Amino acid sequence: MRTHFFKGLVVVLLLCGDRPAGANVHPNPAVGRKEDSVKEQALTILQGKCNVCHERQNPGKVFTVSNMETHAPKIYKQVFVKQRMPRGNAIKLSPEEKATLLRWLETQGVVMEKK
C-alpha cells in the first residue's frame, strides 16, 4: 500500500513540475521538453521494473526523480554492459523499455557505445 502511495506521489510531482528553478533549461524549449519526457519515461520503467526488488533487497538504491541521474552510470553498467539487471526470471525489460532507458542514459552522457 505504501509503495503505491510513493509511486503516486512521484507521478504527481512529475506532473506538477516540482523542479528547482532553471532545471533542465535548454536554449531550445522543445529539446528541454523532449529530455524531460524521456526522463519521465525512464523513471516509470525504473519504478515499475527495478524498484519492485530494490525496495525489498536494496533500499539504498531505490530510484527517484531526484537521484536517478546520480545512479545513471551504474544503471548503464548493470543493465547494458554486464546485463545483470533486472535479476531473475520474473521481471524482464522489453526491447522498448531498454531503448527508452538507453535514450535517457544518452542524455546523461554515460553511454559509451550503443548495444
N, C-alpha and C. Protein backbone atom coordinates (compact mmCIF):
# COMPACT_ATOMS: atom_id res chain seq x y z
N MET A 1 0.83 -1.19 0.00
CA MET A 1 0.00 0.00 0.00
C MET A 1 0.87 1.26 0.00
N ARG A 2 1.91 1.25 0.84
CA ARG A 2 2.80 2.39 0.93
C ARG A 2 3.53 2.61 -0.39
N THR A 3 3.87 1.53 -1.07
CA THR A 3 4.55 1.62 -2.36
C THR A 3 3.71 2.39 -3.36
N HIS A 4 2.42 2.09 -3.40
CA HIS A 4 1.53 2.78 -4.34
C HIS A 4 1.45 4.26 -4.02
N PHE A 5 1.46 4.59 -2.72
CA PHE A 5 1.43 5.99 -2.32
C PHE A 5 2.64 6.73 -2.86
N PHE A 6 3.83 6.15 -2.68
CA PHE A 6 5.06 6.81 -3.12
C PHE A 6 5.12 6.91 -4.64
N LYS A 7 4.68 5.87 -5.34
CA LYS A 7 4.67 5.92 -6.80
C LYS A 7 3.71 7.02 -7.26
N GLY A 8 2.56 7.10 -6.62
CA GLY A 8 1.59 8.14 -6.96
C GLY A 8 2.14 9.53 -6.67
N LEU A 9 2.85 9.66 -5.56
CA LEU A 9 3.44 10.94 -5.20
C LEU A 9 4.46 11.38 -6.24
N VAL A 10 5.28 10.45 -6.71
CA VAL A 10 6.28 10.78 -7.73
C VAL A 10 5.59 11.24 -9.00
N VAL A 11 4.53 10.55 -9.39
CA VAL A 11 3.80 10.93 -10.60
C VAL A 11 3.23 12.34 -10.44
N VAL A 12 2.66 12.63 -9.28
CA VAL A 12 2.10 13.97 -9.04
C VAL A 12 3.20 15.01 -9.11
N LEU A 13 4.35 14.73 -8.49
CA LEU A 13 5.45 15.68 -8.53
C LEU A 13 5.93 15.91 -9.95
N LEU A 14 6.00 14.85 -10.75
CA LEU A 14 6.41 15.00 -12.14
C LEU A 14 5.41 15.84 -12.91
N LEU A 15 4.14 15.59 -12.70
CA LEU A 15 3.11 16.32 -13.43
C LEU A 15 3.02 17.78 -12.99
N CYS A 16 3.32 18.04 -11.74
CA CYS A 16 3.24 19.41 -11.22
C CYS A 16 4.49 20.22 -11.54
N GLY A 17 5.51 19.55 -12.02
CA GLY A 17 6.72 20.28 -12.36
C GLY A 17 7.50 20.71 -11.14
N ASP A 18 7.58 19.89 -10.13
CA ASP A 18 8.31 20.19 -8.91
C ASP A 18 9.81 20.11 -9.18
N ARG A 19 10.36 21.21 -9.72
CA ARG A 19 11.77 21.23 -10.09
C ARG A 19 12.38 22.54 -9.61
N PRO A 20 13.66 22.50 -9.32
CA PRO A 20 14.33 23.75 -8.97
C PRO A 20 14.34 24.71 -10.16
N ALA A 21 14.40 25.98 -9.88
CA ALA A 21 14.44 26.97 -10.95
C ALA A 21 15.64 26.71 -11.84
N GLY A 22 15.39 26.69 -13.14
CA GLY A 22 16.47 26.50 -14.09
C GLY A 22 16.80 25.05 -14.39
N ALA A 23 16.12 24.11 -13.77
CA ALA A 23 16.41 22.70 -14.02
C ALA A 23 16.03 22.34 -15.43
N ASN A 24 16.90 21.61 -16.11
CA ASN A 24 16.68 21.15 -17.48
C ASN A 24 16.34 22.29 -18.44
N VAL A 25 16.92 23.44 -18.22
CA VAL A 25 16.69 24.56 -19.13
C VAL A 25 17.60 24.38 -20.33
N HIS A 26 17.02 24.45 -21.48
CA HIS A 26 17.76 24.30 -22.72
C HIS A 26 17.41 25.49 -23.60
N PRO A 27 18.38 26.02 -24.37
CA PRO A 27 18.06 27.16 -25.23
C PRO A 27 16.88 26.91 -26.15
N ASN A 28 16.71 25.68 -26.59
CA ASN A 28 15.57 25.31 -27.42
C ASN A 28 14.57 24.61 -26.52
N PRO A 29 13.44 25.25 -26.18
CA PRO A 29 12.47 24.65 -25.25
C PRO A 29 11.98 23.28 -25.68
N ALA A 30 11.89 23.02 -26.99
CA ALA A 30 11.43 21.71 -27.46
C ALA A 30 12.40 20.62 -27.04
N VAL A 31 13.69 20.90 -27.06
CA VAL A 31 14.68 19.92 -26.64
C VAL A 31 14.55 19.65 -25.15
N GLY A 32 14.38 20.69 -24.36
CA GLY A 32 14.20 20.51 -22.92
C GLY A 32 13.00 19.64 -22.60
N ARG A 33 11.90 19.84 -23.31
CA ARG A 33 10.70 19.02 -23.09
C ARG A 33 10.95 17.58 -23.49
N LYS A 34 11.68 17.37 -24.58
CA LYS A 34 11.98 16.01 -25.03
C LYS A 34 12.81 15.29 -23.98
N GLU A 35 13.83 15.97 -23.42
CA GLU A 35 14.66 15.36 -22.38
C GLU A 35 13.83 15.04 -21.15
N ASP A 36 12.91 15.95 -20.77
CA ASP A 36 12.03 15.71 -19.63
C ASP A 36 11.16 14.49 -19.88
N SER A 37 10.62 14.38 -21.09
CA SER A 37 9.74 13.28 -21.43
C SER A 37 10.49 11.94 -21.34
N VAL A 38 11.70 11.90 -21.87
CA VAL A 38 12.50 10.67 -21.82
C VAL A 38 12.83 10.34 -20.37
N LYS A 39 13.14 11.35 -19.57
CA LYS A 39 13.43 11.12 -18.16
C LYS A 39 12.21 10.55 -17.44
N GLU A 40 11.05 11.11 -17.70
CA GLU A 40 9.81 10.63 -17.07
C GLU A 40 9.53 9.19 -17.48
N GLN A 41 9.74 8.88 -18.75
CA GLN A 41 9.53 7.50 -19.22
C GLN A 41 10.53 6.56 -18.56
N ALA A 42 11.78 6.99 -18.44
CA ALA A 42 12.80 6.16 -17.80
C ALA A 42 12.46 5.94 -16.33
N LEU A 43 12.01 6.99 -15.65
CA LEU A 43 11.64 6.85 -14.24
C LEU A 43 10.49 5.86 -14.07
N THR A 44 9.53 5.90 -14.97
CA THR A 44 8.42 4.96 -14.91
C THR A 44 8.93 3.52 -15.02
N ILE A 45 9.88 3.29 -15.91
CA ILE A 45 10.47 1.96 -16.07
C ILE A 45 11.24 1.57 -14.82
N LEU A 46 12.07 2.47 -14.31
CA LEU A 46 12.85 2.18 -13.10
C LEU A 46 11.94 1.86 -11.92
N GLN A 47 10.86 2.60 -11.80
CA GLN A 47 9.93 2.35 -10.69
C GLN A 47 9.20 1.03 -10.86
N GLY A 48 8.77 0.74 -12.07
CA GLY A 48 7.97 -0.47 -12.30
C GLY A 48 8.77 -1.75 -12.39
N LYS A 49 10.00 -1.66 -12.87
CA LYS A 49 10.78 -2.87 -13.10
C LYS A 49 11.95 -3.03 -12.13
N CYS A 50 12.44 -1.95 -11.56
CA CYS A 50 13.62 -2.02 -10.69
C CYS A 50 13.28 -1.84 -9.21
N ASN A 51 12.49 -0.81 -8.93
CA ASN A 51 12.17 -0.53 -7.53
C ASN A 51 11.39 -1.65 -6.87
N VAL A 52 10.71 -2.45 -7.66
CA VAL A 52 9.95 -3.58 -7.11
C VAL A 52 10.85 -4.45 -6.24
N CYS A 53 12.05 -4.75 -6.74
CA CYS A 53 13.01 -5.56 -5.96
C CYS A 53 13.87 -4.69 -5.05
N HIS A 54 14.28 -3.53 -5.54
CA HIS A 54 15.17 -2.68 -4.76
C HIS A 54 14.54 -2.28 -3.43
N GLU A 55 13.23 -2.07 -3.42
CA GLU A 55 12.56 -1.69 -2.17
C GLU A 55 12.75 -2.75 -1.09
N ARG A 56 12.80 -4.02 -1.50
CA ARG A 56 12.97 -5.12 -0.55
C ARG A 56 14.44 -5.47 -0.35
N GLN A 57 15.17 -5.60 -1.44
CA GLN A 57 16.52 -6.15 -1.42
C GLN A 57 17.61 -5.10 -1.21
N ASN A 58 17.41 -3.89 -1.71
CA ASN A 58 18.46 -2.88 -1.71
C ASN A 58 17.84 -1.49 -1.56
N PRO A 59 17.26 -1.19 -0.40
CA PRO A 59 16.52 0.07 -0.24
C PRO A 59 17.36 1.32 -0.48
N GLY A 60 18.67 1.23 -0.37
CA GLY A 60 19.52 2.38 -0.64
C GLY A 60 19.61 2.73 -2.10
N LYS A 61 19.13 1.86 -2.96
CA LYS A 61 19.21 2.09 -4.40
C LYS A 61 17.82 2.14 -5.05
N VAL A 62 16.85 2.66 -4.32
CA VAL A 62 15.52 2.87 -4.89
C VAL A 62 15.59 4.14 -5.74
N PHE A 63 15.13 4.06 -6.96
CA PHE A 63 15.26 5.16 -7.89
C PHE A 63 14.12 6.16 -7.73
N THR A 64 14.50 7.43 -7.68
CA THR A 64 13.53 8.53 -7.58
C THR A 64 13.90 9.58 -8.62
N VAL A 65 13.00 10.53 -8.80
CA VAL A 65 13.25 11.61 -9.76
C VAL A 65 14.48 12.41 -9.34
N SER A 66 14.74 12.49 -8.04
CA SER A 66 15.86 13.30 -7.58
C SER A 66 17.21 12.58 -7.57
N ASN A 67 17.21 11.24 -7.66
CA ASN A 67 18.50 10.54 -7.59
C ASN A 67 18.84 9.73 -8.83
N MET A 68 17.95 9.68 -9.79
CA MET A 68 18.19 8.79 -10.93
C MET A 68 19.41 9.19 -11.76
N GLU A 69 19.69 10.49 -11.87
CA GLU A 69 20.88 10.92 -12.61
C GLU A 69 22.15 10.44 -11.92
N THR A 70 22.16 10.47 -10.59
CA THR A 70 23.32 10.01 -9.83
C THR A 70 23.61 8.55 -10.11
N HIS A 71 22.57 7.76 -10.25
CA HIS A 71 22.72 6.32 -10.48
C HIS A 71 22.87 5.95 -11.96
N ALA A 72 22.77 6.92 -12.86
CA ALA A 72 22.80 6.63 -14.30
C ALA A 72 24.00 5.79 -14.74
N PRO A 73 25.23 6.11 -14.32
CA PRO A 73 26.36 5.27 -14.77
C PRO A 73 26.24 3.81 -14.31
N LYS A 74 25.76 3.61 -13.09
CA LYS A 74 25.60 2.24 -12.59
C LYS A 74 24.46 1.52 -13.29
N ILE A 75 23.39 2.24 -13.59
CA ILE A 75 22.28 1.63 -14.33
C ILE A 75 22.79 1.15 -15.69
N TYR A 76 23.53 2.01 -16.38
CA TYR A 76 24.08 1.63 -17.68
C TYR A 76 24.96 0.39 -17.56
N LYS A 77 25.84 0.40 -16.59
CA LYS A 77 26.77 -0.72 -16.41
C LYS A 77 26.03 -2.02 -16.11
N GLN A 78 25.07 -1.99 -15.19
CA GLN A 78 24.39 -3.20 -14.76
C GLN A 78 23.38 -3.72 -15.79
N VAL A 79 22.70 -2.82 -16.49
CA VAL A 79 21.67 -3.24 -17.45
C VAL A 79 22.26 -3.55 -18.82
N PHE A 80 23.16 -2.70 -19.30
CA PHE A 80 23.61 -2.83 -20.68
C PHE A 80 25.00 -3.45 -20.84
N VAL A 81 25.92 -3.18 -19.93
CA VAL A 81 27.27 -3.72 -20.08
C VAL A 81 27.34 -5.13 -19.49
N LYS A 82 27.03 -5.25 -18.21
CA LYS A 82 27.11 -6.56 -17.55
C LYS A 82 25.84 -7.39 -17.75
N GLN A 83 24.75 -6.75 -18.12
CA GLN A 83 23.45 -7.39 -18.31
C GLN A 83 23.04 -8.23 -17.11
N ARG A 84 23.24 -7.66 -15.91
CA ARG A 84 22.91 -8.35 -14.66
C ARG A 84 21.56 -7.92 -14.09
N MET A 85 21.01 -6.84 -14.59
CA MET A 85 19.75 -6.33 -14.06
C MET A 85 18.76 -6.19 -15.21
N PRO A 86 17.49 -6.38 -14.92
CA PRO A 86 16.94 -6.89 -13.67
C PRO A 86 17.27 -8.37 -13.49
N ARG A 87 17.41 -8.75 -12.24
CA ARG A 87 17.79 -10.13 -11.90
C ARG A 87 16.59 -11.05 -11.94
N GLY A 88 16.89 -12.33 -12.11
CA GLY A 88 15.84 -13.35 -12.04
C GLY A 88 15.04 -13.44 -13.31
N ASN A 89 14.04 -14.29 -13.26
CA ASN A 89 13.21 -14.54 -14.43
C ASN A 89 11.86 -13.84 -14.36
N ALA A 90 11.52 -13.33 -13.18
CA ALA A 90 10.18 -12.76 -13.01
C ALA A 90 10.02 -11.42 -13.72
N ILE A 91 11.06 -10.60 -13.74
CA ILE A 91 10.97 -9.26 -14.32
C ILE A 91 11.95 -9.14 -15.46
N LYS A 92 11.45 -8.75 -16.59
CA LYS A 92 12.28 -8.55 -17.78
C LYS A 92 11.99 -7.16 -18.34
N LEU A 93 12.98 -6.59 -19.00
CA LEU A 93 12.78 -5.34 -19.71
C LEU A 93 12.46 -5.67 -21.16
N SER A 94 11.40 -5.07 -21.67
CA SER A 94 11.07 -5.26 -23.07
C SER A 94 12.10 -4.50 -23.92
N PRO A 95 12.19 -4.84 -25.20
CA PRO A 95 13.09 -4.08 -26.08
C PRO A 95 12.77 -2.58 -26.08
N GLU A 96 11.49 -2.23 -26.02
CA GLU A 96 11.10 -0.82 -25.99
C GLU A 96 11.56 -0.15 -24.70
N GLU A 97 11.44 -0.86 -23.57
CA GLU A 97 11.90 -0.30 -22.29
C GLU A 97 13.41 -0.12 -22.29
N LYS A 98 14.13 -1.07 -22.84
CA LYS A 98 15.59 -0.94 -22.94
C LYS A 98 15.95 0.26 -23.83
N ALA A 99 15.25 0.41 -24.93
CA ALA A 99 15.52 1.53 -25.83
C ALA A 99 15.26 2.86 -25.14
N THR A 100 14.20 2.94 -24.36
CA THR A 100 13.88 4.17 -23.62
C THR A 100 14.96 4.47 -22.60
N LEU A 101 15.36 3.45 -21.83
CA LEU A 101 16.43 3.66 -20.84
C LEU A 101 17.71 4.11 -21.54
N LEU A 102 18.02 3.50 -22.65
CA LEU A 102 19.23 3.86 -23.38
C LEU A 102 19.17 5.31 -23.87
N ARG A 103 18.00 5.73 -24.38
CA ARG A 103 17.84 7.13 -24.82
C ARG A 103 18.08 8.08 -23.65
N TRP A 104 17.51 7.75 -22.47
CA TRP A 104 17.70 8.60 -21.31
C TRP A 104 19.17 8.61 -20.88
N LEU A 105 19.80 7.44 -20.86
CA LEU A 105 21.21 7.36 -20.48
C LEU A 105 22.09 8.15 -21.44
N GLU A 106 21.72 8.19 -22.71
CA GLU A 106 22.46 9.01 -23.68
C GLU A 106 22.38 10.48 -23.31
N THR A 107 21.22 10.95 -22.81
CA THR A 107 21.10 12.34 -22.40
C THR A 107 21.96 12.63 -21.18
N GLN A 108 22.30 11.60 -20.44
CA GLN A 108 23.14 11.74 -19.24
C GLN A 108 24.63 11.64 -19.58
N GLY A 109 24.93 11.28 -20.82
CA GLY A 109 26.32 11.19 -21.25
C GLY A 109 27.07 9.98 -20.71
N VAL A 110 26.35 8.90 -20.37
CA VAL A 110 27.03 7.73 -19.81
C VAL A 110 27.15 6.57 -20.80
N VAL A 111 26.53 6.69 -21.96
CA VAL A 111 26.56 5.59 -22.92
C VAL A 111 27.86 5.65 -23.70
N MET A 112 28.61 4.57 -23.62
CA MET A 112 29.90 4.51 -24.33
C MET A 112 29.71 4.03 -25.76
N GLU A 113 28.86 3.04 -25.94
CA GLU A 113 28.54 2.53 -27.27
C GLU A 113 27.16 1.94 -27.22
N LYS A 114 26.42 2.07 -28.29
CA LYS A 114 25.06 1.52 -28.33
C LYS A 114 25.11 0.01 -28.44
N LYS A 115 24.16 -0.62 -27.76
CA LYS A 115 24.03 -2.09 -27.81
C LYS A 115 22.99 -2.43 -28.84
